[in-house]
Full PDB file with SEQRES, HELIX, SHEET, SSBOND, CRYST1, ORIGX, SCALE, CONECT and MASTER records, all heavy atoms in Angstrom:
SEQRES   1 A   40  VAL LEU SER ALA LEU VAL ALA VAL ILE PRO ALA ILE TRP          
SEQRES   2 A   40  LEU VAL GLY ARG GLU ARG SER ARG ARG ALA GLY ARG ARG          
SEQRES   3 A   40  ASN LEU ALA SER ARG GLU THR GLU PHE ARG PRO ILE ASP          
SEQRES   4 A   40  PRO                                                          
HELIX    1 AA1 LEU A    2  PHE A   35  1                                  34    
CRYST1    1.000    1.000    1.000  90.00  90.00  90.00 P 1           1          
ORIGX1      1.000000  0.000000  0.000000        0.00000                         
ORIGX2      0.000000  1.000000  0.000000        0.00000                         
ORIGX3      0.000000  0.000000  1.000000        0.00000                         
SCALE1      1.000000  0.000000  0.000000        0.00000                         
SCALE2      0.000000  1.000000  0.000000        0.00000                         
SCALE3      0.000000  0.000000  1.000000        0.00000                         
ATOM      1  N   VAL A   1       2.408  -8.801 -27.725  1.00  0.00           N  
ATOM      2  CA  VAL A   1       1.470  -7.655 -27.649  1.00  0.00           C  
ATOM      3  C   VAL A   1       0.066  -8.116 -27.090  1.00  0.00           C  
ATOM      4  O   VAL A   1      -0.469  -7.413 -26.209  1.00  0.00           O  
ATOM      5  CB  VAL A   1       1.248  -7.036 -29.112  1.00  0.00           C  
ATOM      6  CG1 VAL A   1       0.089  -6.082 -29.002  1.00  0.00           C  
ATOM      7  CG2 VAL A   1       2.488  -6.447 -29.445  1.00  0.00           C  
ATOM      8  N   LEU A   2      -0.399  -9.160 -27.406  1.00  0.00           N  
ATOM      9  CA  LEU A   2      -1.666  -9.701 -26.909  1.00  0.00           C  
ATOM     10  C   LEU A   2      -1.548  -9.967 -25.350  1.00  0.00           C  
ATOM     11  O   LEU A   2      -2.513  -9.634 -24.699  1.00  0.00           O  
ATOM     12  CB  LEU A   2      -2.155 -11.033 -27.728  1.00  0.00           C  
ATOM     13  CG  LEU A   2      -2.589 -10.650 -29.084  1.00  0.00           C  
ATOM     14  CD1 LEU A   2      -2.994 -12.113 -29.715  1.00  0.00           C  
ATOM     15  CD2 LEU A   2      -3.749  -9.836 -29.218  1.00  0.00           C  
ATOM     16  N   SER A   3      -0.584 -10.491 -25.096  1.00  0.00           N  
ATOM     17  CA  SER A   3      -0.177 -10.911 -23.633  1.00  0.00           C  
ATOM     18  C   SER A   3      -0.187  -9.632 -22.832  1.00  0.00           C  
ATOM     19  O   SER A   3      -0.670  -9.475 -21.671  1.00  0.00           O  
ATOM     20  CB  SER A   3       1.070 -11.674 -23.483  1.00  0.00           C  
ATOM     21  OG  SER A   3       0.967 -12.895 -24.101  1.00  0.00           O  
ATOM     22  N   ALA A   4       0.479  -8.534 -23.359  1.00  0.00           N  
ATOM     23  CA  ALA A   4       0.640  -7.294 -22.707  1.00  0.00           C  
ATOM     24  C   ALA A   4      -0.851  -6.692 -22.470  1.00  0.00           C  
ATOM     25  O   ALA A   4      -1.161  -6.072 -21.430  1.00  0.00           O  
ATOM     26  CB  ALA A   4       1.533  -6.358 -23.377  1.00  0.00           C  
ATOM     27  N   LEU A   5      -1.568  -6.709 -23.544  1.00  0.00           N  
ATOM     28  CA  LEU A   5      -2.877  -6.088 -23.499  1.00  0.00           C  
ATOM     29  C   LEU A   5      -3.784  -6.780 -22.494  1.00  0.00           C  
ATOM     30  O   LEU A   5      -4.518  -6.224 -21.791  1.00  0.00           O  
ATOM     31  CB  LEU A   5      -3.556  -6.160 -24.852  1.00  0.00           C  
ATOM     32  CG  LEU A   5      -2.852  -5.219 -25.938  1.00  0.00           C  
ATOM     33  CD1 LEU A   5      -3.565  -5.428 -27.332  1.00  0.00           C  
ATOM     34  CD2 LEU A   5      -3.015  -3.771 -25.547  1.00  0.00           C  
ATOM     35  N   VAL A   6      -3.643  -8.080 -22.505  1.00  0.00           N  
ATOM     36  CA  VAL A   6      -4.469  -8.898 -21.576  1.00  0.00           C  
ATOM     37  C   VAL A   6      -4.099  -8.736 -20.075  1.00  0.00           C  
ATOM     38  O   VAL A   6      -4.822  -8.681 -19.187  1.00  0.00           O  
ATOM     39  CB  VAL A   6      -4.437 -10.448 -21.887  1.00  0.00           C  
ATOM     40  CG1 VAL A   6      -5.105 -11.244 -20.835  1.00  0.00           C  
ATOM     41  CG2 VAL A   6      -5.136 -10.713 -23.317  1.00  0.00           C  
ATOM     42  N   ALA A   7      -2.697  -8.589 -19.938  1.00  0.00           N  
ATOM     43  CA  ALA A   7      -2.191  -8.305 -18.663  1.00  0.00           C  
ATOM     44  C   ALA A   7      -2.373  -6.970 -18.058  1.00  0.00           C  
ATOM     45  O   ALA A   7      -2.158  -6.818 -16.749  1.00  0.00           O  
ATOM     46  CB  ALA A   7      -0.774  -8.769 -18.556  1.00  0.00           C  
ATOM     47  N   VAL A   8      -2.613  -5.922 -18.834  1.00  0.00           N  
ATOM     48  CA  VAL A   8      -2.445  -4.702 -18.400  1.00  0.00           C  
ATOM     49  C   VAL A   8      -3.527  -4.237 -17.192  1.00  0.00           C  
ATOM     50  O   VAL A   8      -3.103  -3.715 -16.270  1.00  0.00           O  
ATOM     51  CB  VAL A   8      -2.623  -3.559 -19.489  1.00  0.00           C  
ATOM     52  CG1 VAL A   8      -4.044  -3.558 -20.140  1.00  0.00           C  
ATOM     53  CG2 VAL A   8      -2.213  -2.200 -19.019  1.00  0.00           C  
ATOM     54  N   ILE A   9      -4.659  -4.801 -17.321  1.00  0.00           N  
ATOM     55  CA  ILE A   9      -5.695  -4.408 -16.311  1.00  0.00           C  
ATOM     56  C   ILE A   9      -5.347  -5.137 -15.045  1.00  0.00           C  
ATOM     57  O   ILE A   9      -5.317  -4.520 -13.921  1.00  0.00           O  
ATOM     58  CB  ILE A   9      -7.059  -4.847 -16.804  1.00  0.00           C  
ATOM     59  CG1 ILE A   9      -7.430  -3.923 -18.008  1.00  0.00           C  
ATOM     60  CG2 ILE A   9      -8.164  -4.553 -15.595  1.00  0.00           C  
ATOM     61  CD1 ILE A   9      -7.418  -2.373 -17.746  1.00  0.00           C  
ATOM     62  N   PRO A  10      -5.205  -6.594 -15.117  1.00  0.00           N  
ATOM     63  CA  PRO A  10      -4.762  -7.158 -13.828  1.00  0.00           C  
ATOM     64  C   PRO A  10      -3.429  -6.625 -13.315  1.00  0.00           C  
ATOM     65  O   PRO A  10      -3.226  -6.525 -12.019  1.00  0.00           O  
ATOM     66  CB  PRO A  10      -4.508  -8.658 -14.159  1.00  0.00           C  
ATOM     67  CG  PRO A  10      -5.421  -8.804 -15.550  1.00  0.00           C  
ATOM     68  CD  PRO A  10      -5.226  -7.441 -16.151  1.00  0.00           C  
ATOM     69  N   ALA A  11      -2.540  -6.199 -14.106  1.00  0.00           N  
ATOM     70  CA  ALA A  11      -1.219  -5.641 -13.654  1.00  0.00           C  
ATOM     71  C   ALA A  11      -1.483  -4.405 -12.839  1.00  0.00           C  
ATOM     72  O   ALA A  11      -0.882  -4.044 -11.758  1.00  0.00           O  
ATOM     73  CB  ALA A  11      -0.189  -5.465 -14.779  1.00  0.00           C  
ATOM     74  N   ILE A  12      -2.361  -3.536 -13.392  1.00  0.00           N  
ATOM     75  CA  ILE A  12      -2.671  -2.256 -12.834  1.00  0.00           C  
ATOM     76  C   ILE A  12      -3.246  -2.383 -11.413  1.00  0.00           C  
ATOM     77  O   ILE A  12      -3.043  -1.761 -10.468  1.00  0.00           O  
ATOM     78  CB  ILE A  12      -3.475  -1.358 -13.629  1.00  0.00           C  
ATOM     79  CG1 ILE A  12      -2.757  -0.839 -14.737  1.00  0.00           C  
ATOM     80  CG2 ILE A  12      -4.049  -0.041 -12.817  1.00  0.00           C  
ATOM     81  CD1 ILE A  12      -3.617  -0.109 -15.828  1.00  0.00           C  
ATOM     82  N   TRP A  13      -4.260  -3.507 -11.394  1.00  0.00           N  
ATOM     83  CA  TRP A  13      -4.900  -3.741 -10.088  1.00  0.00           C  
ATOM     84  C   TRP A  13      -3.931  -4.390  -9.095  1.00  0.00           C  
ATOM     85  O   TRP A  13      -4.015  -3.863  -7.874  1.00  0.00           O  
ATOM     86  CB  TRP A  13      -5.978  -4.807 -10.401  1.00  0.00           C  
ATOM     87  CG  TRP A  13      -6.716  -5.288  -9.267  1.00  0.00           C  
ATOM     88  CD1 TRP A  13      -7.716  -4.610  -8.576  1.00  0.00           C  
ATOM     89  CD2 TRP A  13      -6.516  -6.564  -8.418  1.00  0.00           C  
ATOM     90  NE1 TRP A  13      -8.187  -5.351  -7.575  1.00  0.00           N  
ATOM     91  CE2 TRP A  13      -7.428  -6.435  -7.391  1.00  0.00           C  
ATOM     92  CE3 TRP A  13      -5.587  -7.639  -8.756  1.00  0.00           C  
ATOM     93  CZ2 TRP A  13      -7.358  -7.507  -6.520  1.00  0.00           C  
ATOM     94  CZ3 TRP A  13      -5.569  -8.560  -7.720  1.00  0.00           C  
ATOM     95  CH2 TRP A  13      -6.598  -8.532  -6.569  1.00  0.00           C  
ATOM     96  N   LEU A  14      -3.121  -5.132  -9.447  1.00  0.00           N  
ATOM     97  CA  LEU A  14      -1.957  -5.740  -8.627  1.00  0.00           C  
ATOM     98  C   LEU A  14      -1.161  -4.569  -8.004  1.00  0.00           C  
ATOM     99  O   LEU A  14      -0.868  -4.585  -6.744  1.00  0.00           O  
ATOM    100  CB  LEU A  14      -1.156  -6.917  -9.201  1.00  0.00           C  
ATOM    101  CG  LEU A  14      -1.893  -8.208  -9.549  1.00  0.00           C  
ATOM    102  CD1 LEU A  14      -0.867  -9.055 -10.320  1.00  0.00           C  
ATOM    103  CD2 LEU A  14      -2.157  -8.836  -8.127  1.00  0.00           C  
ATOM    104  N   VAL A  15      -0.709  -3.797  -8.869  1.00  0.00           N  
ATOM    105  CA  VAL A  15       0.115  -2.649  -8.495  1.00  0.00           C  
ATOM    106  C   VAL A  15      -0.533  -1.731  -7.455  1.00  0.00           C  
ATOM    107  O   VAL A  15      -0.047  -1.348  -6.365  1.00  0.00           O  
ATOM    108  CB  VAL A  15       0.646  -1.830  -9.613  1.00  0.00           C  
ATOM    109  CG1 VAL A  15       1.278  -0.545  -9.135  1.00  0.00           C  
ATOM    110  CG2 VAL A  15       1.675  -2.699 -10.419  1.00  0.00           C  
ATOM    111  N   GLY A  16      -1.791  -1.491  -7.859  1.00  0.00           N  
ATOM    112  CA  GLY A  16      -2.713  -0.716  -6.917  1.00  0.00           C  
ATOM    113  C   GLY A  16      -2.962  -1.306  -5.488  1.00  0.00           C  
ATOM    114  O   GLY A  16      -2.786  -0.622  -4.390  1.00  0.00           O  
ATOM    115  N   ARG A  17      -3.099  -2.589  -5.465  1.00  0.00           N  
ATOM    116  CA  ARG A  17      -3.316  -3.300  -4.230  1.00  0.00           C  
ATOM    117  C   ARG A  17      -2.096  -3.219  -3.341  1.00  0.00           C  
ATOM    118  O   ARG A  17      -2.144  -3.019  -2.117  1.00  0.00           O  
ATOM    119  CB  ARG A  17      -3.823  -4.707  -4.457  1.00  0.00           C  
ATOM    120  CG  ARG A  17      -4.240  -5.411  -3.226  1.00  0.00           C  
ATOM    121  CD  ARG A  17      -4.574  -6.833  -3.460  1.00  0.00           C  
ATOM    122  NE  ARG A  17      -3.505  -7.579  -3.880  1.00  0.00           N  
ATOM    123  CZ  ARG A  17      -3.574  -9.020  -3.989  1.00  0.00           C  
ATOM    124  NH1 ARG A  17      -4.654  -9.588  -3.712  1.00  0.00           N  
ATOM    125  NH2 ARG A  17      -2.563  -9.648  -4.384  1.00  0.00           N  
ATOM    126  N   GLU A  18      -0.974  -3.408  -4.044  1.00  0.00           N  
ATOM    127  CA  GLU A  18       0.324  -3.462  -3.194  1.00  0.00           C  
ATOM    128  C   GLU A  18       0.677  -2.120  -2.713  1.00  0.00           C  
ATOM    129  O   GLU A  18       1.141  -2.096  -1.558  1.00  0.00           O  
ATOM    130  CB  GLU A  18       1.480  -3.996  -4.153  1.00  0.00           C  
ATOM    131  CG  GLU A  18       2.836  -4.020  -3.548  1.00  0.00           C  
ATOM    132  CD  GLU A  18       2.993  -5.054  -2.336  1.00  0.00           C  
ATOM    133  OE1 GLU A  18       2.200  -6.100  -2.270  1.00  0.00           O  
ATOM    134  OE2 GLU A  18       3.856  -4.941  -1.521  1.00  0.00           O  
ATOM    135  N   ARG A  19       0.480  -1.087  -3.495  1.00  0.00           N  
ATOM    136  CA  ARG A  19       0.805   0.217  -3.081  1.00  0.00           C  
ATOM    137  C   ARG A  19      -0.142   0.646  -1.909  1.00  0.00           C  
ATOM    138  O   ARG A  19       0.180   1.391  -1.023  1.00  0.00           O  
ATOM    139  CB  ARG A  19       0.762   1.235  -4.249  1.00  0.00           C  
ATOM    140  CG  ARG A  19       1.967   1.143  -5.180  1.00  0.00           C  
ATOM    141  CD  ARG A  19       1.998   2.099  -6.288  1.00  0.00           C  
ATOM    142  NE  ARG A  19       1.968   3.454  -5.721  1.00  0.00           N  
ATOM    143  CZ  ARG A  19       3.188   4.022  -5.324  1.00  0.00           C  
ATOM    144  NH1 ARG A  19       4.270   3.366  -5.526  1.00  0.00           N  
ATOM    145  NH2 ARG A  19       3.103   5.389  -4.942  1.00  0.00           N  
ATOM    146  N   SER A  20      -1.485   0.241  -2.053  1.00  0.00           N  
ATOM    147  CA  SER A  20      -2.425   0.554  -0.977  1.00  0.00           C  
ATOM    148  C   SER A  20      -1.994  -0.191   0.391  1.00  0.00           C  
ATOM    149  O   SER A  20      -2.078   0.421   1.527  1.00  0.00           O  
ATOM    150  CB  SER A  20      -3.859   0.154  -1.378  1.00  0.00           C  
ATOM    151  OG  SER A  20      -4.225   0.862  -2.526  1.00  0.00           O  
ATOM    152  N   ARG A  21      -1.556  -1.398   0.182  1.00  0.00           N  
ATOM    153  CA  ARG A  21      -1.175  -2.175   1.470  1.00  0.00           C  
ATOM    154  C   ARG A  21       0.014  -1.534   2.017  1.00  0.00           C  
ATOM    155  O   ARG A  21       0.144  -1.380   3.345  1.00  0.00           O  
ATOM    156  CB  ARG A  21      -0.917  -3.574   1.019  1.00  0.00           C  
ATOM    157  CG  ARG A  21      -0.448  -4.495   2.132  1.00  0.00           C  
ATOM    158  CD  ARG A  21      -0.146  -5.979   1.662  1.00  0.00           C  
ATOM    159  NE  ARG A  21       0.818  -5.978   0.863  1.00  0.00           N  
ATOM    160  CZ  ARG A  21       2.248  -6.149   1.174  1.00  0.00           C  
ATOM    161  NH1 ARG A  21       2.405  -6.183   2.487  1.00  0.00           N  
ATOM    162  NH2 ARG A  21       3.102  -6.165   0.349  1.00  0.00           N  
ATOM    163  N   ARG A  22       1.037  -1.071   1.286  1.00  0.00           N  
ATOM    164  CA  ARG A  22       2.255  -0.359   1.924  1.00  0.00           C  
ATOM    165  C   ARG A  22       1.867   0.988   2.415  1.00  0.00           C  
ATOM    166  O   ARG A  22       2.371   1.333   3.559  1.00  0.00           O  
ATOM    167  CB  ARG A  22       3.279  -0.217   0.618  1.00  0.00           C  
ATOM    168  CG  ARG A  22       3.839  -1.495   0.318  1.00  0.00           C  
ATOM    169  CD  ARG A  22       5.090  -1.276  -0.744  1.00  0.00           C  
ATOM    170  NE  ARG A  22       5.516  -2.512  -1.170  1.00  0.00           N  
ATOM    171  CZ  ARG A  22       6.752  -2.666  -1.783  1.00  0.00           C  
ATOM    172  NH1 ARG A  22       7.359  -1.525  -2.340  1.00  0.00           N  
ATOM    173  NH2 ARG A  22       7.159  -3.810  -2.298  1.00  0.00           N  
ATOM    174  N   ALA A  23       1.003   1.657   1.855  1.00  0.00           N  
ATOM    175  CA  ALA A  23       0.518   3.092   2.318  1.00  0.00           C  
ATOM    176  C   ALA A  23      -0.131   2.726   3.584  1.00  0.00           C  
ATOM    177  O   ALA A  23       0.050   3.504   4.579  1.00  0.00           O  
ATOM    178  CB  ALA A  23      -0.361   3.682   1.267  1.00  0.00           C  
ATOM    179  N   GLY A  24      -0.968   1.603   3.755  1.00  0.00           N  
ATOM    180  CA  GLY A  24      -1.714   1.460   5.067  1.00  0.00           C  
ATOM    181  C   GLY A  24      -0.761   1.109   6.173  1.00  0.00           C  
ATOM    182  O   GLY A  24      -0.895   1.630   7.267  1.00  0.00           O  
ATOM    183  N   ARG A  25       0.320   0.423   5.826  1.00  0.00           N  
ATOM    184  CA  ARG A  25       1.354   0.103   6.875  1.00  0.00           C  
ATOM    185  C   ARG A  25       2.002   1.426   7.414  1.00  0.00           C  
ATOM    186  O   ARG A  25       2.355   1.622   8.474  1.00  0.00           O  
ATOM    187  CB  ARG A  25       2.394  -0.850   6.329  1.00  0.00           C  
ATOM    188  CG  ARG A  25       1.875  -2.375   6.188  1.00  0.00           C  
ATOM    189  CD  ARG A  25       2.958  -3.163   5.654  1.00  0.00           C  
ATOM    190  NE  ARG A  25       2.512  -4.549   5.660  1.00  0.00           N  
ATOM    191  CZ  ARG A  25       3.285  -5.667   5.148  1.00  0.00           C  
ATOM    192  NH1 ARG A  25       4.496  -5.412   4.732  1.00  0.00           N  
ATOM    193  NH2 ARG A  25       2.844  -6.914   5.221  1.00  0.00           N  
ATOM    194  N   ARG A  26       2.373   2.260   6.391  1.00  0.00           N  
ATOM    195  CA  ARG A  26       3.035   3.421   6.687  1.00  0.00           C  
ATOM    196  C   ARG A  26       2.165   4.346   7.500  1.00  0.00           C  
ATOM    197  O   ARG A  26       2.595   5.008   8.539  1.00  0.00           O  
ATOM    198  CB  ARG A  26       3.505   4.289   5.431  1.00  0.00           C  
ATOM    199  CG  ARG A  26       4.646   3.620   4.651  1.00  0.00           C  
ATOM    200  CD  ARG A  26       5.229   4.620   3.720  1.00  0.00           C  
ATOM    201  NE  ARG A  26       4.247   5.029   2.714  1.00  0.00           N  
ATOM    202  CZ  ARG A  26       4.131   4.341   1.542  1.00  0.00           C  
ATOM    203  NH1 ARG A  26       4.837   3.311   1.199  1.00  0.00           N  
ATOM    204  NH2 ARG A  26       3.216   4.789   0.658  1.00  0.00           N  
ATOM    205  N   ASN A  27       0.976   4.479   7.201  1.00  0.00           N  
ATOM    206  CA  ASN A  27       0.003   5.293   8.030  1.00  0.00           C  
ATOM    207  C   ASN A  27      -0.179   4.831   9.495  1.00  0.00           C  
ATOM    208  O   ASN A  27      -0.209   5.535  10.443  1.00  0.00           O  
ATOM    209  CB  ASN A  27      -1.413   5.443   7.269  1.00  0.00           C  
ATOM    210  CG  ASN A  27      -1.352   6.149   5.908  1.00  0.00           C  
ATOM    211  OD1 ASN A  27      -0.554   6.990   5.835  1.00  0.00           O  
ATOM    212  ND2 ASN A  27      -2.236   5.816   5.038  1.00  0.00           N  
ATOM    213  N   LEU A  28      -0.339   3.326   9.463  1.00  0.00           N  
ATOM    214  CA  LEU A  28      -0.348   2.866  10.847  1.00  0.00           C  
ATOM    215  C   LEU A  28       0.715   3.058  11.689  1.00  0.00           C  
ATOM    216  O   LEU A  28       0.681   3.498  12.823  1.00  0.00           O  
ATOM    217  CB  LEU A  28      -0.743   1.204  10.613  1.00  0.00           C  
ATOM    218  CG  LEU A  28      -0.763   0.474  11.990  1.00  0.00           C  
ATOM    219  CD1 LEU A  28      -2.022   0.911  12.764  1.00  0.00           C  
ATOM    220  CD2 LEU A  28      -0.975  -0.984  11.663  1.00  0.00           C  
ATOM    221  N   ALA A  29       2.065   2.982  11.177  1.00  0.00           N  
ATOM    222  CA  ALA A  29       3.117   3.188  11.831  1.00  0.00           C  
ATOM    223  C   ALA A  29       3.354   4.715  12.164  1.00  0.00           C  
ATOM    224  O   ALA A  29       3.705   5.033  13.298  1.00  0.00           O  
ATOM    225  CB  ALA A  29       4.485   2.730  11.097  1.00  0.00           C  
ATOM    226  N   SER A  30       2.860   5.546  11.374  1.00  0.00           N  
ATOM    227  CA  SER A  30       2.857   7.023  11.677  1.00  0.00           C  
ATOM    228  C   SER A  30       1.928   7.346  12.804  1.00  0.00           C  
ATOM    229  O   SER A  30       2.277   8.021  13.699  1.00  0.00           O  
ATOM    230  CB  SER A  30       2.512   7.765  10.394  1.00  0.00           C  
ATOM    231  OG  SER A  30       2.397   9.196  10.646  1.00  0.00           O  
ATOM    232  N   ARG A  31       0.710   6.618  12.821  1.00  0.00           N  
ATOM    233  CA  ARG A  31      -0.237   6.989  13.879  1.00  0.00           C  
ATOM    234  C   ARG A  31       0.269   6.276  15.177  1.00  0.00           C  
ATOM    235  O   ARG A  31       0.110   7.043  16.258  1.00  0.00           O  
ATOM    236  CB  ARG A  31      -1.602   6.391  13.669  1.00  0.00           C  
ATOM    237  CG  ARG A  31      -2.407   7.092  12.441  1.00  0.00           C  
ATOM    238  CD  ARG A  31      -3.898   6.672  12.527  1.00  0.00           C  
ATOM    239  NE  ARG A  31      -4.030   5.208  12.270  1.00  0.00           N  
ATOM    240  CZ  ARG A  31      -4.147   4.795  11.024  1.00  0.00           C  
ATOM    241  NH1 ARG A  31      -4.083   5.543   9.888  1.00  0.00           N  
ATOM    242  NH2 ARG A  31      -4.345   3.395  10.851  1.00  0.00           N  
ATOM    243  N   GLU A  32       0.894   5.217  15.140  1.00  0.00           N  
ATOM    244  CA  GLU A  32       1.438   4.595  16.366  1.00  0.00           C  
ATOM    245  C   GLU A  32       2.550   5.429  16.986  1.00  0.00           C  
ATOM    246  O   GLU A  32       2.625   5.744  18.257  1.00  0.00           O  
ATOM    247  CB  GLU A  32       1.904   3.252  16.151  1.00  0.00           C  
ATOM    248  CG  GLU A  32       0.928   2.176  15.879  1.00  0.00           C  
ATOM    249  CD  GLU A  32       1.472   0.790  15.612  1.00  0.00           C  
ATOM    250  OE1 GLU A  32       2.704   0.690  15.343  1.00  0.00           O  
ATOM    251  OE2 GLU A  32       0.656  -0.260  15.558  1.00  0.00           O  
ATOM    252  N   THR A  33       3.375   6.057  16.111  1.00  0.00           N  
ATOM    253  CA  THR A  33       4.464   6.941  16.624  1.00  0.00           C  
ATOM    254  C   THR A  33       3.837   8.168  17.071  1.00  0.00           C  
ATOM    255  O   THR A  33       4.242   8.749  18.086  1.00  0.00           O  
ATOM    256  CB  THR A  33       5.342   7.150  15.394  1.00  0.00           C  
ATOM    257  OG1 THR A  33       5.896   6.092  14.875  1.00  0.00           O  
ATOM    258  CG2 THR A  33       6.559   8.042  15.846  1.00  0.00           C  
ATOM    259  N   GLU A  34       2.871   8.801  16.481  1.00  0.00           N  
ATOM    260  CA  GLU A  34       2.195   9.995  16.769  1.00  0.00           C  
ATOM    261  C   GLU A  34       1.530   9.974  18.189  1.00  0.00           C  
ATOM    262  O   GLU A  34       1.621  10.786  19.030  1.00  0.00           O  
ATOM    263  CB  GLU A  34       1.283  10.472  15.773  1.00  0.00           C  
ATOM    264  CG  GLU A  34       0.590  11.896  16.086  1.00  0.00           C  
ATOM    265  CD  GLU A  34      -0.231  12.383  14.899  1.00  0.00           C  
ATOM    266  OE1 GLU A  34      -0.355  11.536  13.848  1.00  0.00           O  
ATOM    267  OE2 GLU A  34      -0.914  13.384  15.038  1.00  0.00           O  
ATOM    268  N   PHE A  35       0.722   8.858  18.345  1.00  0.00           N  
ATOM    269  CA  PHE A  35      -0.093   8.689  19.484  1.00  0.00           C  
ATOM    270  C   PHE A  35       0.483   7.802  20.699  1.00  0.00           C  
ATOM    271  O   PHE A  35      -0.189   7.484  21.557  1.00  0.00           O  
ATOM    272  CB  PHE A  35      -1.294   8.171  19.167  1.00  0.00           C  
ATOM    273  CG  PHE A  35      -2.203   9.084  18.201  1.00  0.00           C  
ATOM    274  CD1 PHE A  35      -2.422   8.834  16.893  1.00  0.00           C  
ATOM    275  CD2 PHE A  35      -2.742  10.317  18.674  1.00  0.00           C  
ATOM    276  CE1 PHE A  35      -3.092   9.685  15.971  1.00  0.00           C  
ATOM    277  CE2 PHE A  35      -3.410  11.177  17.952  1.00  0.00           C  
ATOM    278  CZ  PHE A  35      -3.595  10.970  16.533  1.00  0.00           C  
ATOM    279  N   ARG A  36       1.766   7.343  20.428  1.00  0.00           N  
ATOM    280  CA  ARG A  36       2.413   6.572  21.529  1.00  0.00           C  
ATOM    281  C   ARG A  36       2.473   7.443  22.724  1.00  0.00           C  
ATOM    282  O   ARG A  36       2.998   8.447  22.729  1.00  0.00           O  
ATOM    283  CB  ARG A  36       3.766   6.066  20.966  1.00  0.00           C  
ATOM    284  CG  ARG A  36       4.447   5.154  21.945  1.00  0.00           C  
ATOM    285  CD  ARG A  36       5.729   4.648  21.231  1.00  0.00           C  
ATOM    286  NE  ARG A  36       5.540   4.014  20.194  1.00  0.00           N  
ATOM    287  CZ  ARG A  36       6.407   3.945  19.192  1.00  0.00           C  
ATOM    288  NH1 ARG A  36       7.528   4.657  19.330  1.00  0.00           N  
ATOM    289  NH2 ARG A  36       6.221   3.212  18.002  1.00  0.00           N  
ATOM    290  N   PRO A  37       1.924   6.841  23.840  1.00  0.00           N  
ATOM    291  CA  PRO A  37       2.026   7.639  25.072  1.00  0.00           C  
ATOM    292  C   PRO A  37       3.502   7.768  25.523  1.00  0.00           C  
ATOM    293  O   PRO A  37       4.325   6.764  25.455  1.00  0.00           O  
ATOM    294  CB  PRO A  37       1.192   6.749  26.114  1.00  0.00           C  
ATOM    295  CG  PRO A  37       1.267   5.381  25.505  1.00  0.00           C  
ATOM    296  CD  PRO A  37       1.343   5.513  23.991  1.00  0.00           C  
ATOM    297  N   ILE A  38       3.868   8.880  26.180  1.00  0.00           N  
ATOM    298  CA  ILE A  38       5.180   9.142  26.581  1.00  0.00           C  
ATOM    299  C   ILE A  38       5.301   8.723  28.022  1.00  0.00           C  
ATOM    300  O   ILE A  38       4.495   9.095  28.902  1.00  0.00           O  
ATOM    301  CB  ILE A  38       5.588  10.642  26.262  1.00  0.00           C  
ATOM    302  CG1 ILE A  38       5.503  11.010  24.836  1.00  0.00           C  
ATOM    303  CG2 ILE A  38       7.006  11.029  26.934  1.00  0.00           C  
ATOM    304  CD1 ILE A  38       5.657  12.452  24.678  1.00  0.00           C  
ATOM    305  N   ASP A  39       6.197   7.867  28.284  1.00  0.00           N  
ATOM    306  CA  ASP A  39       6.308   7.511  29.744  1.00  0.00           C  
ATOM    307  C   ASP A  39       6.800   8.661  30.540  1.00  0.00           C  
ATOM    308  O   ASP A  39       7.743   9.359  30.190  1.00  0.00           O  
ATOM    309  CB  ASP A  39       7.323   6.352  29.773  1.00  0.00           C  
ATOM    310  CG  ASP A  39       6.854   5.100  29.132  1.00  0.00           C  
ATOM    311  OD1 ASP A  39       5.657   4.961  29.047  1.00  0.00           O  
ATOM    312  OD2 ASP A  39       7.626   4.292  28.669  1.00  0.00           O  
ATOM    313  N   PRO A  40       6.097   8.889  31.665  1.00  0.00           N  
ATOM    314  CA  PRO A  40       6.534   9.868  32.498  1.00  0.00           C  
ATOM    315  C   PRO A  40       7.929   9.606  33.118  1.00  0.00           C  
ATOM    316  O   PRO A  40       8.411   8.495  33.166  1.00  0.00           O  
ATOM    317  CB  PRO A  40       5.485   9.905  33.693  1.00  0.00           C  
ATOM    318  CG  PRO A  40       4.968   8.552  33.677  1.00  0.00           C  
ATOM    319  CD  PRO A  40       5.046   8.096  32.334  1.00  0.00           C  
TER     320      PRO A  40                                                      
MASTER        0    0    0    1    0    0    0    6  319    1    0    4          
END                                                                             
């Protein structure tokens, strides 16, 4: 129980950082697809 209580804040921070990193990759890929110039 003590270990879980001590780890809860760092665990939430780690989960948030990982999800933010993945969301950033998805947004970047979406922008690249959206604004990729179409070859004539």
